[in-house]
Amino acid sequence: MDIVFLALAVAAGLLLARPQALVATVVAWAACVVLVGWGPAGNSNVHTTSLGFWVPWAVVGLIGLAISAGIATYRQRRRRPSGSTAA
């Protein structure tokens, strides 16, 4: 599910403006966490009450947010004309 989440984060960064990309990334993260912890991708060996579940998912969530925001910001800056001083 980590790969699915990161692919969705990249897609959000490529297709959406930064605020929408960040929201879409958080929604994708939450959906992946739910699928792994309680849904059809769940596993009886997964214990959602332990830090061993939440810390790795928090790290992956932060990486996904950074990727999504970075791609969206890069796209926004490339679209701006080269002589522009507008923020």
Protein backbone atom coordinates (compact mmCIF):
# COMPACT_ATOMS: atom_id res chain seq x y z
CA MET A 1 0.00 0.00 0.00
CA ASP A 2 2.95 2.34 0.46
CA ILE A 3 3.67 2.22 -3.27
CA VAL A 4 0.01 2.86 -4.09
CA PHE A 5 -0.03 5.86 -1.77
CA LEU A 6 3.19 7.31 -3.18
CA ALA A 7 1.91 6.84 -6.74
CA LEU A 8 -1.28 8.71 -5.80
CA ALA A 9 0.82 11.48 -4.20
CA VAL A 10 2.85 11.86 -7.40
CA ALA A 11 -0.33 11.91 -9.48
CA ALA A 12 -1.87 14.55 -7.22
CA GLY A 13 1.25 16.69 -7.51
CA LEU A 14 1.24 16.40 -11.29
CA LEU A 15 -2.46 17.01 -11.84
CA LEU A 16 -3.59 19.41 -9.13
CA ALA A 17 -2.64 22.80 -7.73
CA ARG A 18 -0.65 22.65 -4.48
CA PRO A 19 -3.53 23.10 -1.98
CA GLN A 20 -5.69 20.52 -3.74
CA ALA A 21 -2.70 18.18 -4.14
CA LEU A 22 -2.02 18.30 -0.41
CA VAL A 23 -5.66 17.56 0.43
CA ALA A 24 -5.75 14.71 -2.09
CA THR A 25 -2.53 13.30 -0.62
CA VAL A 26 -3.92 13.34 2.92
CA VAL A 27 -7.12 11.64 1.71
CA ALA A 28 -5.09 8.99 -0.14
CA TRP A 29 -2.94 8.44 2.97
CA ALA A 30 -6.01 8.01 5.15
CA ALA A 31 -7.59 5.60 2.68
CA CYS A 32 -4.44 3.48 2.51
CA VAL A 33 -4.10 3.40 6.30
CA VAL A 34 -7.72 2.29 6.64
CA LEU A 35 -7.29 -0.40 3.98
CA VAL A 36 -4.21 -1.80 5.67
CA GLY A 37 -5.40 -1.48 9.26
CA TRP A 38 -9.02 -2.46 9.02
CA GLY A 39 -9.97 -3.15 5.41
CA PRO A 40 -9.52 -5.83 2.78
CA ALA A 41 -5.75 -5.39 2.66
CA GLY A 42 -5.69 -5.96 6.41
CA ASN A 43 -3.64 -8.65 8.06
CA SER A 44 -4.20 -10.37 11.39
CA ASN A 45 -0.56 -9.59 12.26
CA VAL A 46 -1.17 -5.84 11.95
CA HIS A 47 -1.83 -4.16 15.30
CA THR A 48 -3.21 -0.66 14.84
CA THR A 49 -2.82 0.11 18.53
CA SER A 50 0.98 0.00 18.38
CA LEU A 51 3.55 2.58 17.38
CA GLY A 52 4.97 -0.05 15.03
CA PHE A 53 1.97 0.62 12.82
CA TRP A 54 1.62 4.39 13.11
CA VAL A 55 5.24 5.61 13.00
CA PRO A 56 6.05 4.09 9.59
CA TRP A 57 2.75 5.31 8.18
CA ALA A 58 3.41 8.81 9.56
CA VAL A 59 6.84 8.83 7.89
CA VAL A 60 5.36 7.65 4.59
CA GLY A 61 2.66 10.32 4.92
CA LEU A 62 5.24 13.06 5.38
CA ILE A 63 7.25 11.77 2.43
CA GLY A 64 4.10 11.74 0.29
CA LEU A 65 3.21 15.30 1.32
CA ALA A 66 6.74 16.47 0.49
CA ILE A 67 6.64 14.78 -2.91
CA SER A 68 3.21 16.13 -3.75
CA ALA A 69 4.01 19.68 -2.63
CA GLY A 70 7.39 19.62 -4.34
CA ILE A 71 6.00 18.51 -7.68
CA ALA A 72 3.11 20.99 -7.54
CA THR A 73 5.46 23.84 -6.61
CA TYR A 74 7.88 22.91 -9.39
CA ARG A 75 5.04 22.83 -11.92
CA GLN A 76 3.78 26.22 -10.73
CA ARG A 77 7.23 27.82 -11.01
CA ARG A 78 7.84 26.40 -14.48
CA ARG A 79 4.54 27.83 -15.69
CA ARG A 80 5.48 31.35 -14.58
CA PRO A 81 7.10 33.53 -17.29
CA SER A 82 10.86 33.89 -16.84
CA GLY A 83 10.84 37.69 -16.41
CA SER A 84 8.02 37.70 -13.87
CA THR A 85 8.60 39.03 -10.35
CA ALA A 86 5.13 38.14 -9.08
CA ALA A 87 4.99 35.79 -6.12
